[in-house]
N, C-alpha and C. Protein backbone atom coordinates (compact mmCIF):
# COMPACT_ATOMS: atom_id res chain seq x y z
N GLN A 1 157.71 47.89 131.71
CA GLN A 1 157.80 48.67 130.48
C GLN A 1 159.26 48.52 130.03
N VAL A 2 159.42 48.70 128.76
CA VAL A 2 160.71 48.58 128.12
C VAL A 2 161.07 49.81 127.37
N GLN A 3 162.32 50.29 127.42
CA GLN A 3 162.73 51.45 126.65
C GLN A 3 163.66 50.92 125.54
N LEU A 4 163.42 51.50 124.33
CA LEU A 4 164.21 51.20 123.18
C LEU A 4 164.96 52.36 122.67
N VAL A 5 166.26 52.24 122.41
CA VAL A 5 167.05 53.33 121.93
C VAL A 5 167.75 52.79 120.69
N GLU A 6 167.58 53.61 119.62
CA GLU A 6 168.19 53.25 118.25
C GLU A 6 169.39 53.95 118.11
N ALA A 7 170.25 53.51 117.27
CA ALA A 7 171.47 54.14 116.80
C ALA A 7 171.65 53.76 115.23
N GLY A 8 172.43 54.59 114.62
CA GLY A 8 172.74 54.32 113.21
C GLY A 8 171.86 55.27 112.42
N GLY A 9 171.68 54.98 111.22
CA GLY A 9 170.86 55.84 110.22
C GLY A 9 171.83 56.77 109.69
N GLY A 10 171.19 57.69 108.89
CA GLY A 10 171.92 58.85 108.17
C GLY A 10 171.81 58.86 106.73
N LEU A 11 172.58 59.45 106.02
CA LEU A 11 172.53 59.64 104.60
C LEU A 11 173.53 58.68 103.92
N VAL A 12 173.03 57.98 102.91
CA VAL A 12 173.87 57.11 102.18
C VAL A 12 173.43 57.23 100.70
N HIS A 13 174.42 56.87 99.90
CA HIS A 13 174.15 56.87 98.32
C HIS A 13 173.45 55.53 98.04
N PRO A 14 172.74 55.59 96.90
CA PRO A 14 172.03 54.41 96.37
C PRO A 14 173.02 53.28 96.21
N GLY A 15 172.82 52.01 96.61
CA GLY A 15 173.76 50.97 96.54
C GLY A 15 174.56 50.76 97.78
N GLY A 16 174.53 51.80 98.58
CA GLY A 16 175.32 51.72 99.85
C GLY A 16 174.66 50.86 100.94
N SER A 17 175.43 50.86 102.08
CA SER A 17 175.01 50.05 103.25
C SER A 17 174.94 50.93 104.50
N LEU A 18 174.00 50.44 105.41
CA LEU A 18 173.95 51.05 106.70
C LEU A 18 173.57 49.93 107.73
N ARG A 19 173.96 50.17 109.02
CA ARG A 19 173.46 49.36 110.03
C ARG A 19 172.74 50.08 111.12
N LEU A 20 171.62 49.66 111.41
CA LEU A 20 170.80 50.14 112.58
C LEU A 20 170.81 49.28 113.74
N SER A 21 171.08 49.76 114.88
CA SER A 21 171.03 49.08 116.08
C SER A 21 169.94 49.57 117.14
N CYS A 22 169.55 48.69 117.95
CA CYS A 22 168.57 49.06 118.95
C CYS A 22 168.85 48.27 120.18
N ALA A 23 168.87 49.02 121.34
CA ALA A 23 169.10 48.39 122.60
C ALA A 23 167.94 48.59 123.63
N ALA A 24 167.54 47.49 124.20
CA ALA A 24 166.40 47.57 125.02
C ALA A 24 166.84 47.56 126.51
N SER A 25 166.12 48.34 127.25
CA SER A 25 166.45 48.44 128.74
C SER A 25 165.14 48.25 129.57
N GLY A 26 165.16 47.79 130.81
CA GLY A 26 163.97 47.63 131.50
C GLY A 26 163.73 46.06 131.68
N ASP A 27 162.57 45.63 131.53
CA ASP A 27 162.18 44.20 131.61
C ASP A 27 162.39 43.43 130.24
N ILE A 28 163.68 43.31 129.90
CA ILE A 28 163.99 42.70 128.64
C ILE A 28 163.62 41.24 128.63
N THR A 29 163.55 40.61 129.73
CA THR A 29 163.16 39.23 129.75
C THR A 29 161.87 38.93 129.32
N SER A 30 160.97 40.00 129.30
CA SER A 30 159.58 39.71 128.83
C SER A 30 159.46 39.85 127.26
N LEU A 31 160.55 40.28 126.54
CA LEU A 31 160.46 40.57 125.14
C LEU A 31 160.34 39.29 124.33
N THR A 32 159.31 39.15 123.53
CA THR A 32 159.20 38.04 122.62
C THR A 32 159.63 38.38 121.24
N VAL A 33 158.96 39.44 120.66
CA VAL A 33 159.26 39.80 119.34
C VAL A 33 160.07 41.16 119.30
N MET A 34 161.15 41.24 118.58
CA MET A 34 161.83 42.46 118.28
C MET A 34 162.11 42.70 116.83
N GLY A 35 162.25 43.92 116.45
CA GLY A 35 162.58 44.15 114.97
C GLY A 35 162.39 45.60 114.62
N TRP A 36 162.07 45.84 113.39
CA TRP A 36 162.02 47.17 112.81
C TRP A 36 160.81 47.35 111.93
N TYR A 37 160.33 48.59 112.11
CA TYR A 37 159.34 49.21 111.25
C TYR A 37 159.86 50.39 110.55
N ARG A 38 159.20 50.97 109.48
CA ARG A 38 159.65 52.08 108.90
C ARG A 38 158.41 52.92 108.42
N GLN A 39 158.61 54.21 108.38
CA GLN A 39 157.47 55.12 107.96
C GLN A 39 157.92 56.28 107.14
N VAL A 40 157.21 56.49 106.07
CA VAL A 40 157.42 57.62 105.30
C VAL A 40 156.40 58.68 105.60
N LEU A 41 156.74 59.92 105.71
CA LEU A 41 155.77 60.92 106.08
C LEU A 41 154.57 60.88 105.26
N GLY A 42 153.42 60.83 105.91
CA GLY A 42 152.20 60.76 105.26
C GLY A 42 151.64 59.31 104.88
N LYS A 43 152.42 58.36 105.16
CA LYS A 43 152.10 57.01 104.87
C LYS A 43 152.08 56.12 106.14
N ARG A 44 151.47 54.96 105.96
CA ARG A 44 151.40 54.09 107.13
C ARG A 44 152.75 53.49 107.46
N ARG A 45 152.92 53.28 108.79
CA ARG A 45 154.12 52.52 109.21
C ARG A 45 154.07 51.15 108.74
N GLU A 46 155.20 50.62 108.18
CA GLU A 46 155.26 49.27 107.63
C GLU A 46 156.29 48.39 108.27
N MET A 47 156.02 47.08 108.40
CA MET A 47 157.00 46.15 109.00
C MET A 47 158.15 46.11 108.10
N VAL A 48 159.29 46.08 108.57
CA VAL A 48 160.57 45.78 107.77
C VAL A 48 160.98 44.34 108.07
N ALA A 49 161.35 44.02 109.27
CA ALA A 49 161.83 42.72 109.69
C ALA A 49 161.53 42.56 111.18
N LEU A 50 161.14 41.28 111.55
CA LEU A 50 160.87 41.03 112.91
C LEU A 50 161.46 39.56 113.17
N LEU A 51 161.95 39.41 114.42
CA LEU A 51 162.43 38.14 114.92
C LEU A 51 161.73 37.79 116.30
N ASN A 52 161.32 36.57 116.52
CA ASN A 52 160.91 36.23 117.84
C ASN A 52 161.96 35.47 118.60
N THR A 53 161.81 35.11 119.83
CA THR A 53 162.75 34.49 120.56
C THR A 53 163.08 33.01 120.10
N ARG A 54 162.20 32.47 119.28
CA ARG A 54 162.33 31.13 118.70
C ARG A 54 163.16 31.23 117.39
N GLY A 55 163.41 32.43 116.87
CA GLY A 55 164.12 32.62 115.66
C GLY A 55 163.37 32.67 114.41
N ASN A 56 162.01 32.71 114.65
CA ASN A 56 161.14 32.92 113.46
C ASN A 56 161.18 34.28 112.90
N LEU A 57 161.29 34.35 111.66
CA LEU A 57 161.60 35.61 110.92
C LEU A 57 160.43 36.05 110.07
N TRP A 58 160.08 37.33 110.11
CA TRP A 58 159.13 37.90 109.20
C TRP A 58 159.84 39.11 108.62
N MET A 59 159.87 39.21 107.23
CA MET A 59 160.59 40.23 106.52
C MET A 59 159.80 40.70 105.31
N ALA A 60 159.75 41.99 105.14
CA ALA A 60 159.01 42.57 104.00
C ALA A 60 159.58 42.07 102.68
N ASP A 61 158.77 41.78 101.73
CA ASP A 61 159.27 41.42 100.48
C ASP A 61 160.18 42.49 99.78
N SER A 62 159.91 43.77 100.08
CA SER A 62 160.72 44.84 99.42
C SER A 62 162.09 44.88 99.93
N VAL A 63 162.45 44.27 101.04
CA VAL A 63 163.80 44.28 101.51
C VAL A 63 164.37 42.95 101.66
N ASN A 64 163.68 41.83 101.34
CA ASN A 64 164.13 40.54 101.32
C ASN A 64 165.35 40.38 100.32
N GLY A 65 166.43 39.78 100.93
CA GLY A 65 167.61 39.59 100.06
C GLY A 65 168.53 40.66 100.25
N ARG A 66 168.14 41.88 100.69
CA ARG A 66 168.99 43.13 100.90
C ARG A 66 169.27 43.39 102.28
N PHE A 67 168.29 43.16 103.16
CA PHE A 67 168.39 43.43 104.55
C PHE A 67 168.58 42.16 105.38
N THR A 68 169.23 42.26 106.50
CA THR A 68 169.32 41.20 107.39
C THR A 68 169.14 41.63 108.83
N ILE A 69 168.51 40.81 109.65
CA ILE A 69 168.18 41.17 111.06
C ILE A 69 168.83 40.22 111.86
N SER A 70 169.41 40.72 112.95
CA SER A 70 169.87 39.73 114.02
C SER A 70 169.63 40.26 115.40
N ARG A 71 169.51 39.39 116.34
CA ARG A 71 169.13 39.73 117.70
C ARG A 71 169.85 38.88 118.74
N ASP A 72 170.07 39.68 119.81
CA ASP A 72 170.65 39.06 120.94
C ASP A 72 169.64 39.05 122.11
N ASN A 73 169.07 37.89 122.34
CA ASN A 73 167.96 37.79 123.33
C ASN A 73 168.50 38.13 124.75
N VAL A 74 169.73 37.77 125.03
CA VAL A 74 170.24 38.04 126.36
C VAL A 74 170.43 39.48 126.69
N ARG A 75 171.06 40.10 125.68
CA ARG A 75 171.33 41.55 125.86
C ARG A 75 170.16 42.42 125.39
N GLY A 76 169.19 41.86 124.85
CA GLY A 76 168.01 42.76 124.43
C GLY A 76 168.43 43.70 123.32
N THR A 77 169.12 43.27 122.41
CA THR A 77 169.52 44.14 121.26
C THR A 77 169.06 43.48 119.95
N VAL A 78 168.85 44.37 119.03
CA VAL A 78 168.47 43.86 117.62
C VAL A 78 169.13 44.80 116.59
N ASN A 79 169.62 44.24 115.57
CA ASN A 79 170.35 45.00 114.53
C ASN A 79 169.69 44.80 113.18
N LEU A 80 169.81 45.85 112.33
CA LEU A 80 169.24 45.70 111.04
C LEU A 80 170.48 46.05 110.14
N PHE A 81 170.85 45.18 109.17
CA PHE A 81 171.99 45.36 108.33
C PHE A 81 171.23 45.52 106.92
N MET A 82 171.46 46.70 106.44
CA MET A 82 170.80 47.16 105.14
C MET A 82 171.84 47.29 104.12
N ASN A 83 171.76 46.47 103.06
CA ASN A 83 172.63 46.41 101.87
C ASN A 83 171.85 46.96 100.60
N ASP A 84 172.64 47.36 99.64
CA ASP A 84 172.07 47.75 98.29
C ASP A 84 170.84 48.64 98.53
N LEU A 85 171.04 49.67 99.35
CA LEU A 85 170.00 50.61 99.67
C LEU A 85 169.44 51.37 98.36
N LYS A 86 168.09 51.56 98.35
CA LYS A 86 167.46 52.27 97.20
C LYS A 86 166.78 53.50 97.79
N ALA A 87 166.41 54.34 96.84
CA ALA A 87 165.82 55.60 97.34
C ALA A 87 164.40 55.35 98.05
N GLU A 88 163.83 54.28 97.62
CA GLU A 88 162.57 53.96 98.29
C GLU A 88 162.75 53.46 99.72
N ASP A 89 163.94 53.09 100.11
CA ASP A 89 164.27 52.75 101.52
C ASP A 89 164.27 54.07 102.45
N THR A 90 164.27 55.17 101.85
CA THR A 90 164.31 56.38 102.63
C THR A 90 163.09 56.47 103.50
N ALA A 91 163.24 56.49 104.85
CA ALA A 91 162.06 56.56 105.78
C ALA A 91 162.73 56.76 107.17
N MET A 92 161.81 56.98 108.16
CA MET A 92 162.10 56.92 109.55
C MET A 92 161.94 55.49 110.01
N TYR A 93 163.01 54.88 110.66
CA TYR A 93 163.02 53.55 111.00
C TYR A 93 162.83 53.55 112.57
N PHE A 94 161.92 52.66 112.93
CA PHE A 94 161.61 52.53 114.42
C PHE A 94 161.93 51.10 114.98
N CYS A 95 162.55 51.08 116.06
CA CYS A 95 162.78 49.77 116.73
C CYS A 95 161.40 49.48 117.40
N TYR A 96 161.15 48.06 117.35
CA TYR A 96 159.88 47.58 117.85
C TYR A 96 160.10 46.34 118.75
N ALA A 97 159.24 46.29 119.79
CA ALA A 97 159.42 45.19 120.73
C ALA A 97 158.06 44.82 121.25
N ARG A 98 157.78 43.55 121.37
CA ARG A 98 156.52 43.22 122.02
C ARG A 98 156.71 42.35 123.19
N ARG A 99 156.04 42.62 124.22
CA ARG A 99 156.11 41.80 125.51
C ARG A 99 155.05 40.83 125.75
N GLY A 100 155.33 39.65 125.02
CA GLY A 100 154.34 38.58 125.09
C GLY A 100 154.22 37.94 123.77
N PRO A 101 153.63 36.73 123.78
CA PRO A 101 153.54 35.99 122.53
C PRO A 101 152.38 36.29 121.61
N ASN A 102 151.44 37.06 122.11
CA ASN A 102 150.21 37.34 121.31
C ASN A 102 150.22 38.86 120.72
N PRO A 103 149.60 38.94 119.48
CA PRO A 103 149.62 40.33 118.90
C PRO A 103 149.11 41.34 119.68
N GLN A 104 148.17 41.08 120.71
CA GLN A 104 147.58 42.22 121.47
C GLN A 104 148.40 42.42 122.75
N ASP A 105 149.50 41.68 122.91
CA ASP A 105 150.36 42.02 124.06
C ASP A 105 150.97 43.33 123.94
N PRO A 106 151.40 43.99 125.03
CA PRO A 106 152.05 45.33 125.02
C PRO A 106 153.20 45.40 124.06
N GLU A 107 153.27 46.61 123.37
CA GLU A 107 154.23 46.93 122.51
C GLU A 107 155.04 48.15 122.92
N ASP A 108 156.28 48.08 122.49
CA ASP A 108 157.21 49.34 122.85
C ASP A 108 157.79 49.82 121.49
N TRP A 109 158.07 51.10 121.38
CA TRP A 109 158.67 51.76 120.22
C TRP A 109 159.78 52.59 120.52
N GLY A 110 160.86 52.61 119.71
CA GLY A 110 161.79 53.63 119.85
C GLY A 110 161.45 54.97 119.25
N GLN A 111 162.20 55.87 119.36
CA GLN A 111 162.06 57.35 118.93
C GLN A 111 162.04 57.32 117.41
N GLY A 112 162.82 56.50 116.82
CA GLY A 112 162.99 56.52 115.40
C GLY A 112 164.38 57.09 115.02
N THR A 113 164.93 56.58 113.88
CA THR A 113 166.13 57.08 113.30
C THR A 113 165.98 57.19 111.90
N GLN A 114 166.47 58.29 111.25
CA GLN A 114 166.13 58.64 109.91
C GLN A 114 167.21 58.00 109.03
N VAL A 115 166.64 57.40 107.96
CA VAL A 115 167.59 56.90 106.91
C VAL A 115 167.19 57.74 105.53
N ILE A 116 168.23 58.09 104.99
CA ILE A 116 168.00 58.87 103.76
C ILE A 116 168.97 58.31 102.59
N VAL A 117 168.34 57.88 101.55
CA VAL A 117 169.16 57.26 100.40
C VAL A 117 169.10 58.27 99.29
N ALA A 118 170.09 58.85 98.85
CA ALA A 118 170.12 59.88 97.82
C ALA A 118 171.43 60.01 97.25
N SER A 119 171.50 60.41 96.02
CA SER A 119 172.79 60.61 95.31
C SER A 119 173.40 61.93 95.80
C-alpha cells in the first residue's frame, strides 16, 4: 500500500497562483501513474492532470495551458503548479496514484487539500 500526503492549497484571488505537492510513502516503486483529481461538493470527482512513469501526460481541457504537473519518480512526489486561477477551479484537490499499468490496478488517494479562488 502507498500513503499520499498533500500540501499546499488555500485561498487565492482570481488570476493568482498556487502550488500543490504530494509525497508518497510505502511501496513507491510500484507506482505507475501519479497526479491530481478535484471535486466540488455534490459533483463527481474529475481528473485534473496525470503523469505515468514514461512521461505520458493526461490533462483536463479546462486547465490546459494554466496548470503544469511535474513528478519525481525516485522520490515519489508529484506537484501541480496552478496559474491564472479562476473561480471555477475552487475544489478539493486529491493526490492520486496507481500501482500498476492497468486501469484496474490498485489505486491510492490522499486526504485532499482545499483550493478556494475568490476575490
